[in-house]
PDB file of N, CA and C in Angstrom:
ATOM      1  N   MET A   1      22.080  29.023 -18.145  1.00  0.00           N
ATOM      2  CA  MET A   1      20.931  29.490 -17.241  1.00  0.00           C
ATOM      3  C   MET A   1      21.207  29.004 -15.915  1.00  0.00           C
ATOM      4  N   GLY A   2      21.004  29.890 -14.931  1.00  0.00           N
ATOM      5  CA  GLY A   2      21.190  29.535 -13.599  1.00  0.00           C
ATOM      6  C   GLY A   2      20.086  28.548 -12.995  1.00  0.00           C
ATOM      7  N   ARG A   3      20.287  27.977 -11.858  1.00  0.00           N
ATOM      8  CA  ARG A   3      19.409  27.095 -11.269  1.00  0.00           C
ATOM      9  C   ARG A   3      18.057  27.689 -11.030  1.00  0.00           C
ATOM     10  N   SER A   4      18.091  29.016 -10.414  1.00  0.00           N
ATOM     11  CA  SER A   4      16.924  29.744 -10.060  1.00  0.00           C
ATOM     12  C   SER A   4      16.098  29.994 -11.236  1.00  0.00           C
ATOM     13  N   LYS A   5      16.751  30.289 -12.424  1.00  0.00           N
ATOM     14  CA  LYS A   5      16.029  30.587 -13.682  1.00  0.00           C
ATOM     15  C   LYS A   5      15.380  29.280 -14.185  1.00  0.00           C
ATOM     16  N   LYS A   6      16.075  28.151 -14.033  1.00  0.00           N
ATOM     17  CA  LYS A   6      15.577  26.847 -14.454  1.00  0.00           C
ATOM     18  C   LYS A   6      14.421  26.462 -13.535  1.00  0.00           C
ATOM     19  N   ALA A   7      14.374  26.875 -12.222  1.00  0.00           N
ATOM     20  CA  ALA A   7      13.220  26.496 -11.435  1.00  0.00           C
ATOM     21  C   ALA A   7      11.977  27.257 -11.876  1.00  0.00           C
ATOM     22  N   ARG A   8      12.176  28.661 -12.237  1.00  0.00           N
ATOM     23  CA  ARG A   8      11.030  29.522 -12.741  1.00  0.00           C
ATOM     24  C   ARG A   8      10.604  28.804 -14.077  1.00  0.00           C
ATOM     25  N   LYS A   9      11.456  28.332 -14.844  1.00  0.00           N
ATOM     26  CA  LYS A   9      11.091  27.859 -16.212  1.00  0.00           C
ATOM     27  C   LYS A   9      10.202  26.574 -16.052  1.00  0.00           C
ATOM     28  N   PHE A  10      10.427  25.832 -14.994  1.00  0.00           N
ATOM     29  CA  PHE A  10       9.614  24.559 -14.782  1.00  0.00           C
ATOM     30  C   PHE A  10       8.399  24.942 -14.059  1.00  0.00           C
ATOM     31  N   GLY A  11       8.283  26.087 -13.340  1.00  0.00           N
ATOM     32  CA  GLY A  11       7.080  26.347 -12.682  1.00  0.00           C
ATOM     33  C   GLY A  11       6.707  25.497 -11.560  1.00  0.00           C
ATOM     34  N   LYS A  12       7.587  24.625 -11.267  1.00  0.00           N
ATOM     35  CA  LYS A  12       7.362  23.650 -10.182  1.00  0.00           C
ATOM     36  C   LYS A  12       8.700  23.521  -9.400  1.00  0.00           C
ATOM     37  N   VAL A  13       8.800  22.533  -8.493  1.00  0.00           N
ATOM     38  CA  VAL A  13      10.028  22.367  -7.922  1.00  0.00           C
ATOM     39  C   VAL A  13      11.054  21.754  -8.806  1.00  0.00           C
ATOM     40  N   CYS A  14      12.233  22.385  -8.753  1.00  0.00           N
ATOM     41  CA  CYS A  14      13.260  21.955  -9.655  1.00  0.00           C
ATOM     42  C   CYS A  14      14.105  20.905  -8.721  1.00  0.00           C
ATOM     43  N   ILE A  15      14.272  19.831  -9.334  1.00  0.00           N
ATOM     44  CA  ILE A  15      15.132  18.822  -8.781  1.00  0.00           C
ATOM     45  C   ILE A  15      16.511  18.762  -9.437  1.00  0.00           C
ATOM     46  N   VAL A  16      17.509  19.203  -8.570  1.00  0.00           N
ATOM     47  CA  VAL A  16      18.897  19.309  -9.093  1.00  0.00           C
ATOM     48  C   VAL A  16      19.462  17.922  -8.991  1.00  0.00           C
ATOM     49  N   LYS A  17      19.715  17.350 -10.140  1.00  0.00           N
ATOM     50  CA  LYS A  17      20.222  15.966 -10.211  1.00  0.00           C
ATOM     51  C   LYS A  17      21.676  15.893  -9.858  1.00  0.00           C
ATOM     52  N   ARG A  18      22.226  14.693  -9.788  1.00  0.00           N
ATOM     53  CA  ARG A  18      23.676  14.538  -9.375  1.00  0.00           C
ATOM     54  C   ARG A  18      24.604  15.215 -10.393  1.00  0.00           C
ATOM     55  N   ARG A  19      24.324  15.294 -11.591  1.00  0.00           N
ATOM     56  CA  ARG A  19      25.180  15.991 -12.575  1.00  0.00           C
ATOM     57  C   ARG A  19      24.998  17.373 -12.773  1.00  0.00           C
ATOM     58  N   GLY A  20      24.064  17.963 -11.995  1.00  0.00           N
ATOM     59  CA  GLY A  20      23.858  19.406 -11.893  1.00  0.00           C
ATOM     60  C   GLY A  20      22.670  19.981 -12.752  1.00  0.00           C
ATOM     61  N   HIS A  21      22.093  19.117 -13.648  1.00  0.00           N
ATOM     62  CA  HIS A  21      20.922  19.630 -14.390  1.00  0.00           C
ATOM     63  C   HIS A  21      19.685  19.530 -13.560  1.00  0.00           C
ATOM     64  N   CYS A  22      18.708  20.256 -13.990  1.00  0.00           N
ATOM     65  CA  CYS A  22      17.409  20.323 -13.290  1.00  0.00           C
ATOM     66  C   CYS A  22      16.312  19.532 -14.067  1.00  0.00           C
ATOM     67  N   GLU A  23      15.438  18.932 -13.278  1.00  0.00           N
ATOM     68  CA  GLU A  23      14.167  18.312 -13.819  1.00  0.00           C
ATOM     69  C   GLU A  23      13.052  18.725 -12.905  1.00  0.00           C
ATOM     70  N   ALA A  24      11.850  18.878 -13.448  1.00  0.00           N
ATOM     71  CA  ALA A  24      10.735  19.102 -12.686  1.00  0.00           C
ATOM     72  C   ALA A  24      10.381  17.909 -11.782  1.00  0.00           C
ATOM     73  N   TYR A  25       9.942  18.226 -10.549  1.00  0.00           N
ATOM     74  CA  TYR A  25       9.492  17.214  -9.709  1.00  0.00           C
ATOM     75  C   TYR A  25       8.329  16.372 -10.241  1.00  0.00           C
ATOM     76  N   ASP A  26       8.544  15.072 -10.194  1.00  0.00           N
ATOM     77  CA  ASP A  26       7.430  14.097 -10.806  1.00  0.00           C
ATOM     78  C   ASP A  26       7.234  13.088  -9.716  1.00  0.00           C
ATOM     79  N   GLU A  27       6.138  13.103  -9.020  1.00  0.00           N
ATOM     80  CA  GLU A  27       5.689  12.243  -8.000  1.00  0.00           C
ATOM     81  C   GLU A  27       5.679  10.746  -8.466  1.00  0.00           C
ATOM     82  N   ARG A  28       5.369  10.655  -9.729  1.00  0.00           N
ATOM     83  CA  ARG A  28       5.511   9.276 -10.306  1.00  0.00           C
ATOM     84  C   ARG A  28       6.740   8.604 -10.139  1.00  0.00           C
ATOM     85  N   LYS A  29       7.864   9.392 -10.241  1.00  0.00           N
ATOM     86  CA  LYS A  29       9.200   8.796 -10.177  1.00  0.00           C
ATOM     87  C   LYS A  29       9.473   8.318  -8.742  1.00  0.00           C
ATOM     88  N   VAL A  30       8.956   9.078  -7.686  1.00  0.00           N
ATOM     89  CA  VAL A  30       9.009   8.795  -6.372  1.00  0.00           C
ATOM     90  C   VAL A  30       8.241   7.519  -6.072  1.00  0.00           C
ATOM     91  N   TYR A  31       7.048   7.448  -6.612  1.00  0.00           N
ATOM     92  CA  TYR A  31       6.276   6.324  -6.365  1.00  0.00           C
ATOM     93  C   TYR A  31       6.769   4.969  -7.086  1.00  0.00           C
ATOM     94  N   GLY A  32       7.346   5.185  -8.281  1.00  0.00           N
ATOM     95  CA  GLY A  32       7.953   4.017  -8.848  1.00  0.00           C
ATOM     96  C   GLY A  32       9.121   3.500  -8.056  1.00  0.00           C
ATOM     97  N   SER A  33       9.987   4.389  -7.628  1.00  0.00           N
ATOM     98  CA  SER A  33      11.208   3.886  -6.980  1.00  0.00           C
ATOM     99  C   SER A  33      10.736   3.287  -5.619  1.00  0.00           C
ATOM    100  N   CYS A  34       9.739   3.782  -4.926  1.00  0.00           N
ATOM    101  CA  CYS A  34       9.233   3.283  -3.739  1.00  0.00           C
ATOM    102  C   CYS A  34       8.646   1.819  -3.949  1.00  0.00           C
ATOM    103  N   TYR A  35       7.772   1.830  -5.121  1.00  0.00           N
ATOM    104  CA  TYR A  35       7.199   0.554  -5.423  1.00  0.00           C
ATOM    105  C   TYR A  35       8.261  -0.614  -5.793  1.00  0.00           C
ATOM    106  N   PHE A  36       9.277  -0.225  -6.494  1.00  0.00           N
ATOM    107  CA  PHE A  36      10.317  -1.193  -6.743  1.00  0.00           C
ATOM    108  C   PHE A  36      11.039  -1.758  -5.449  1.00  0.00           C
ATOM    109  N   ALA A  37      11.228  -0.774  -4.556  1.00  0.00           N
ATOM    110  CA  ALA A  37      11.881  -1.212  -3.225  1.00  0.00           C
ATOM    111  C   ALA A  37      10.900  -2.133  -2.558  1.00  0.00           C
ATOM    112  N   CYS A  38       9.572  -1.817  -2.527  1.00  0.00           N
ATOM    113  CA  CYS A  38       8.599  -2.634  -1.787  1.00  0.00           C
ATOM    114  C   CYS A  38       8.535  -4.053  -2.319  1.00  0.00           C
ATOM    115  N   ARG A  39       8.414  -4.063  -3.673  1.00  0.00           N
ATOM    116  CA  ARG A  39       8.244  -5.364  -4.360  1.00  0.00           C
ATOM    117  C   ARG A  39       9.534  -6.192  -4.218  1.00  0.00           C
ATOM    118  N   SER A  40      10.686  -5.495  -4.249  1.00  0.00           N
ATOM    119  CA  SER A  40      12.025  -6.164  -4.094  1.00  0.00           C
ATOM    120  C   SER A  40      12.118  -6.708  -2.732  1.00  0.00           C
ATOM    121  N   SER A  41      11.445  -6.166  -1.851  1.00  0.00           N
ATOM    122  CA  SER A  41      11.512  -6.630  -0.440  1.00  0.00           C
ATOM    123  C   SER A  41      10.410  -7.754  -0.157  1.00  0.00           C
ATOM    124  N   HIS A  42       9.819  -8.116  -1.201  1.00  0.00           N
ATOM    125  CA  HIS A  42       8.752  -9.251  -1.153  1.00  0.00           C
ATOM    126  C   HIS A  42       7.460  -8.868  -0.467  1.00  0.00           C
ATOM    127  N   LEU A  43       7.082  -7.543  -0.542  1.00  0.00           N
ATOM    128  CA  LEU A  43       5.827  -7.031  -0.114  1.00  0.00           C
ATOM    129  C   LEU A  43       4.781  -7.287  -1.164  1.00  0.00           C
ATOM    130  N   GLY A  44       3.582  -7.450  -0.868  1.00  0.00           N
ATOM    131  CA  GLY A  44       2.538  -7.724  -1.842  1.00  0.00           C
ATOM    132  C   GLY A  44       2.101  -6.409  -2.500  1.00  0.00           C
ATOM    133  N   GLU A  45       1.340  -6.494  -3.586  1.00  0.00           N
ATOM    134  CA  GLU A  45       0.953  -5.362  -4.373  1.00  0.00           C
ATOM    135  C   GLU A  45       0.196  -4.400  -3.573  1.00  0.00           C
ATOM    136  N   ILE A  46      -0.834  -4.833  -2.840  1.00  0.00           N
ATOM    137  CA  ILE A  46      -1.703  -3.950  -2.238  1.00  0.00           C
ATOM    138  C   ILE A  46      -1.004  -3.142  -1.116  1.00  0.00           C
ATOM    139  N   GLU A  47      -0.167  -3.970  -0.328  1.00  0.00           N
ATOM    140  CA  GLU A  47       0.639  -3.308   0.719  1.00  0.00           C
ATOM    141  C   GLU A  47       1.743  -2.415   0.154  1.00  0.00           C
ATOM    142  N   SER A  48       2.190  -2.671  -0.903  1.00  0.00           N
ATOM    143  CA  SER A  48       3.235  -1.850  -1.568  1.00  0.00           C
ATOM    144  C   SER A  48       2.579  -0.494  -2.065  1.00  0.00           C
ATOM    145  N   GLU A  49       1.404  -0.674  -2.668  1.00  0.00           N
ATOM    146  CA  GLU A  49       0.558   0.546  -3.124  1.00  0.00           C
ATOM    147  C   GLU A  49       0.335   1.522  -1.927  1.00  0.00           C
ATOM    148  N   LYS A  50      -0.170   0.871  -0.843  1.00  0.00           N
ATOM    149  CA  LYS A  50      -0.600   1.720   0.336  1.00  0.00           C
ATOM    150  C   LYS A  50       0.668   2.394   0.902  1.00  0.00           C
ATOM    151  N   ILE A  51       1.728   1.745   0.996  1.00  0.00           N
ATOM    152  CA  ILE A  51       2.972   2.391   1.590  1.00  0.00           C
ATOM    153  C   ILE A  51       3.441   3.521   0.599  1.00  0.00           C
ATOM    154  N   CYS A  52       3.448   3.152  -0.700  1.00  0.00           N
ATOM    155  CA  CYS A  52       4.026   4.100  -1.573  1.00  0.00           C
ATOM    156  C   CYS A  52       3.117   5.428  -1.794  1.00  0.00           C
ATOM    157  N   SER A  53       1.792   5.215  -1.514  1.00  0.00           N
ATOM    158  CA  SER A  53       0.892   6.381  -1.563  1.00  0.00           C
ATOM    159  C   SER A  53       1.193   7.272  -0.376  1.00  0.00           C
ATOM    160  N   ARG A  54       1.372   6.584   0.783  1.00  0.00           N
ATOM    161  CA  ARG A  54       1.743   7.531   1.977  1.00  0.00           C
ATOM    162  C   ARG A  54       3.130   8.179   1.894  1.00  0.00           C
ATOM    163  N   VAL A  55       4.128   7.403   1.389  1.00  0.00           N
ATOM    164  CA  VAL A  55       5.474   7.999   1.157  1.00  0.00           C
ATOM    165  C   VAL A  55       5.423   9.137   0.246  1.00  0.00           C
ATOM    166  N   CYS A  56       4.732   9.088  -0.867  1.00  0.00           N
ATOM    167  CA  CYS A  56       4.654   9.983  -1.960  1.00  0.00           C
ATOM    168  C   CYS A  56       3.957  11.282  -1.339  1.00  0.00           C
ATOM    169  N   LYS A  57       2.946  11.164  -0.536  1.00  0.00           N
ATOM    170  CA  LYS A  57       2.367  12.309   0.067  1.00  0.00           C
ATOM    171  C   LYS A  57       3.249  13.026   1.022  1.00  0.00           C
ATOM    172  N   SER A  58       4.021  12.225   1.757  1.00  0.00           N
ATOM    173  CA  SER A  58       4.969  12.796   2.770  1.00  0.00           C
ATOM    174  C   SER A  58       6.060  13.655   1.992  1.00  0.00           C
ATOM    175  N   ILE A  59       6.595  13.028   0.948  1.00  0.00           N
ATOM    176  CA  ILE A  59       7.674  13.718   0.160  1.00  0.00           C
ATOM    177  C   ILE A  59       7.114  14.888  -0.529  1.00  0.00           C
ATOM    178  N   SER A  60       5.976  14.794  -1.069  1.00  0.00           N
ATOM    179  CA  SER A  60       5.405  15.981  -1.818  1.00  0.00           C
ATOM    180  C   SER A  60       5.116  17.046  -0.836  1.00  0.00           C
ATOM    181  N   ARG A  61       4.715  16.768   0.417  1.00  0.00           N
ATOM    182  CA  ARG A  61       4.388  17.645   1.495  1.00  0.00           C
ATOM    183  C   ARG A  61       5.661  18.419   1.773  1.00  0.00           C
ATOM    184  N   ILE A  62       6.782  17.621   2.026  1.00  0.00           N
ATOM    185  CA  ILE A  62       8.084  18.188   2.442  1.00  0.00           C
ATOM    186  C   ILE A  62       8.657  19.125   1.500  1.00  0.00           C
ATOM    187  N   ILE A  63       8.470  18.887   0.130  1.00  0.00           N
ATOM    188  CA  ILE A  63       9.103  19.711  -0.815  1.00  0.00           C
ATOM    189  C   ILE A  63       8.207  20.804  -1.522  1.00  0.00           C
ATOM    190  N   LYS A  64       6.869  20.792  -1.204  1.00  0.00           N
ATOM    191  CA  LYS A  64       5.973  21.667  -1.888  1.00  0.00           C
ATOM    192  C   LYS A  64       6.361  23.137  -2.000  1.00  0.00           C
ATOM    193  N   ASN A  65       6.920  23.706  -0.953  1.00  0.00           N
ATOM    194  CA  ASN A  65       7.129  25.167  -0.740  1.00  0.00           C
ATOM    195  C   ASN A  65       8.505  25.513  -1.227  1.00  0.00           C
ATOM    196  N   LYS A  66       9.280  24.415  -1.700  1.00  0.00           N
ATOM    197  CA  LYS A  66      10.713  24.761  -2.167  1.00  0.00           C
ATOM    198  C   LYS A  66      10.737  25.083  -3.735  1.00  0.00           C
ATOM    199  N   LYS A  67      11.782  25.898  -4.017  1.00  0.00           N
ATOM    200  CA  LYS A  67      11.849  26.138  -5.407  1.00  0.00           C
ATOM    201  C   LYS A  67      12.770  25.138  -6.148  1.00  0.00           C
ATOM    202  N   GLU A  68      13.773  24.661  -5.308  1.00  0.00           N
ATOM    203  CA  GLU A  68      14.648  23.576  -5.809  1.00  0.00           C
ATOM    204  C   GLU A  68      15.131  22.807  -4.634  1.00  0.00           C
ATOM    205  N   ILE A  69      15.388  21.577  -4.977  1.00  0.00           N
ATOM    206  CA  ILE A  69      15.987  20.631  -4.016  1.00  0.00           C
ATOM    207  C   ILE A  69      16.867  19.522  -4.622  1.00  0.00           C
ATOM    208  N   THR A  70      17.866  19.016  -4.021  1.00  0.00           N
ATOM    209  CA  THR A  70      18.680  18.111  -4.750  1.00  0.00           C
ATOM    210  C   THR A  70      18.034  16.771  -4.753  1.00  0.00           C
ATOM    211  N   SER A  71      18.438  15.908  -5.702  1.00  0.00           N
ATOM    212  CA  SER A  71      17.876  14.609  -5.747  1.00  0.00           C
ATOM    213  C   SER A  71      18.379  13.812  -4.498  1.00  0.00           C
ATOM    214  N   ASN A  72      19.593  14.107  -4.047  1.00  0.00           N
ATOM    215  CA  ASN A  72      20.155  13.568  -2.827  1.00  0.00           C
ATOM    216  C   ASN A  72      19.322  13.715  -1.603  1.00  0.00           C
ATOM    217  N   SER A  73      18.809  14.959  -1.458  1.00  0.00           N
ATOM    218  CA  SER A  73      17.930  15.271  -0.402  1.00  0.00           C
ATOM    219  C   SER A  73      16.654  14.424  -0.448  1.00  0.00           C
ATOM    220  N   ILE A  74      16.040  14.373  -1.642  1.00  0.00           N
ATOM    221  CA  ILE A  74      14.848  13.488  -1.737  1.00  0.00           C
ATOM    222  C   ILE A  74      15.213  12.124  -1.407  1.00  0.00           C
ATOM    223  N   PHE A  75      16.333  11.674  -1.913  1.00  0.00           N
ATOM    224  CA  PHE A  75      16.776  10.279  -1.557  1.00  0.00           C
ATOM    225  C   PHE A  75      16.712  10.004  -0.086  1.00  0.00           C
ATOM    226  N   LYS A  76      17.413  11.041   0.688  1.00  0.00           N
ATOM    227  CA  LYS A  76      17.404  10.926   2.170  1.00  0.00           C
ATOM    228  C   LYS A  76      16.016  10.874   2.748  1.00  0.00           C
ATOM    229  N   TYR A  77      15.098  11.831   2.259  1.00  0.00           N
ATOM    230  CA  TYR A  77      13.861  11.865   2.800  1.00  0.00           C
ATOM    231  C   TYR A  77      13.133  10.519   2.559  1.00  0.00           C
ATOM    232  N   MET A  78      13.352  10.008   1.291  1.00  0.00           N
ATOM    233  CA  MET A  78      12.784   8.662   1.001  1.00  0.00           C
ATOM    234  C   MET A  78      13.130   7.544   2.010  1.00  0.00           C
ATOM    235  N   VAL A  79      14.517   7.407   2.337  1.00  0.00           N
ATOM    236  CA  VAL A  79      15.002   6.450   3.184  1.00  0.00           C
ATOM    237  C   VAL A  79      14.303   6.659   4.475  1.00  0.00           C
ATOM    238  N   ARG A  80      14.307   7.885   4.996  1.00  0.00           N
ATOM    239  CA  ARG A  80      13.663   8.179   6.351  1.00  0.00           C
ATOM    240  C   ARG A  80      12.193   7.692   6.348  1.00  0.00           C
ATOM    241  N   GLU A  81      11.419   7.985   5.335  1.00  0.00           N
ATOM    242  CA  GLU A  81      10.021   7.702   5.209  1.00  0.00           C
ATOM    243  C   GLU A  81       9.791   6.174   5.168  1.00  0.00           C
ATOM    244  N   LEU A  82      10.674   5.513   4.288  1.00  0.00           N
ATOM    245  CA  LEU A  82      10.531   4.053   4.172  1.00  0.00           C
ATOM    246  C   LEU A  82      10.759   3.289   5.436  1.00  0.00           C
ATOM    247  N   LYS A  83      11.754   3.757   6.243  1.00  0.00           N
ATOM    248  CA  LYS A  83      12.146   3.183   7.604  1.00  0.00           C
ATOM    249  C   LYS A  83      10.798   3.150   8.558  1.00  0.00           C
ATOM    250  N   LYS A  84      10.022   4.163   8.276  1.00  0.00           N
ATOM    251  CA  LYS A  84       8.882   4.069   9.162  1.00  0.00           C
ATOM    252  C   LYS A  84       8.004   3.013   8.936  1.00  0.00           C
ATOM    253  N   HIS A  85       7.997   2.433   7.679  1.00  0.00           N
ATOM    254  CA  HIS A  85       7.143   1.315   7.363  1.00  0.00           C
ATOM    255  C   HIS A  85       7.800  -0.042   7.415  1.00  0.00           C
ATOM    256  N   ASP A  86       9.060  -0.097   6.932  1.00  0.00           N
ATOM    257  CA  ASP A  86       9.585  -1.387   6.811  1.00  0.00           C
ATOM    258  C   ASP A  86      11.263  -1.164   6.644  1.00  0.00           C
ATOM    259  N   LYS A  87      12.010  -1.596   7.656  1.00  0.00           N
ATOM    260  CA  LYS A  87      13.394  -1.359   7.614  1.00  0.00           C
ATOM    261  C   LYS A  87      14.115  -2.121   6.457  1.00  0.00           C
ATOM    262  N   ASP A  88      13.610  -3.367   6.156  1.00  0.00           N
ATOM    263  CA  ASP A  88      14.207  -4.171   5.011  1.00  0.00           C
ATOM    264  C   ASP A  88      13.962  -3.377   3.706  1.00  0.00           C
ATOM    265  N   MET A  89      12.877  -2.931   3.518  1.00  0.00           N
ATOM    266  CA  MET A  89      12.519  -2.125   2.284  1.00  0.00           C
ATOM    267  C   MET A  89      13.315  -0.906   2.230  1.00  0.00           C
ATOM    268  N   ALA A  90      13.563  -0.169   3.291  1.00  0.00           N
ATOM    269  CA  ALA A  90      14.382   0.981   3.311  1.00  0.00           C
ATOM    270  C   ALA A  90      15.805   0.643   2.866  1.00  0.00           C
ATOM    271  N   PHE A  91      16.271  -0.512   3.451  1.00  0.00           N
ATOM    272  CA  PHE A  91      17.690  -0.952   3.087  1.00  0.00           C
ATOM    273  C   PHE A  91      17.737  -1.213   1.577  1.00  0.00           C
ATOM    274  N   MET A  92      16.699  -1.887   0.987  1.00  0.00           N
ATOM    275  CA  MET A  92      16.689  -2.164  -0.423  1.00  0.00           C
ATOM    276  C   MET A  92      16.686  -0.903  -1.257  1.00  0.00           C
ATOM    277  N   TYR A  93      15.981   0.075  -0.853  1.00  0.00           N
ATOM    278  CA  TYR A  93      15.959   1.409  -1.573  1.00  0.00           C
ATOM    279  C   TYR A  93      17.333   2.039  -1.435  1.00  0.00           C
ATOM    280  N   GLU A  94      17.800   2.055  -0.257  1.00  0.00           N
ATOM    281  CA  GLU A  94      19.122   2.749  -0.049  1.00  0.00           C
ATOM    282  C   GLU A  94      20.311   2.109  -0.817  1.00  0.00           C
ATOM    283  N   THR A  95      20.286   0.803  -0.806  1.00  0.00           N
ATOM    284  CA  THR A  95      21.387   0.143  -1.404  1.00  0.00           C
ATOM    285  C   THR A  95      21.194  -0.043  -2.916  1.00  0.00           C
ATOM    286  N   HIS A  96      20.084  -0.045  -3.379  1.00  0.00           N
ATOM    287  CA  HIS A  96      19.830  -0.095  -4.986  1.00  0.00           C
ATOM    288  C   HIS A  96      20.484   1.015  -5.612  1.00  0.00           C
ATOM    289  N   ARG A  97      20.488   2.151  -5.022  1.00  0.00           N
ATOM    290  CA  ARG A  97      21.174   3.277  -5.624  1.00  0.00           C
ATOM    291  C   ARG A  97      22.742   3.076  -5.883  1.00  0.00           C
ATOM    292  N   ASP A  98      23.231   2.273  -4.928  1.00  0.00           N
ATOM    293  CA  ASP A  98      24.744   1.945  -5.125  1.00  0.00           C
ATOM    294  C   ASP A  98      25.089   1.076  -6.255  1.00  0.00           C
ATOM    295  N   ILE A  99      23.998   0.228  -6.704  1.00  0.00           N
ATOM    296  CA  ILE A  99      24.352  -0.701  -7.814  1.00  0.00           C
ATOM    297  C   ILE A  99      23.750  -0.267  -9.060  1.00  0.00           C
ATOM    298  N   SER A 100      22.937   0.704  -9.015  1.00  0.00           N
ATOM    299  CA  SER A 100      22.341   1.076 -10.336  1.00  0.00           C
ATOM    300  C   SER A 100      23.123   2.263 -11.019  1.00  0.00           C
TER     301      SER A 100
END
């Protein structure tokens, strides 16, 4: 099944993962990875929640009209959005991928 057929199958944005398979976009995954970066950067719960809420809205707005997008593109958007809030947190997010 081609990627465009997979995107239609999901009925949402198809996230093309590093190994080539597709997954439906899940804002909860974006929020979770953002929250992990915030908390790993020693930000408090409330501040982390506020930042992640804003970041998720931005990412969802960026990809809402796309049929598919690579997970790497979402990663780059996340780094860019996180840098707007806290450079240490963005660094944590960016380097966490290298060790996981």
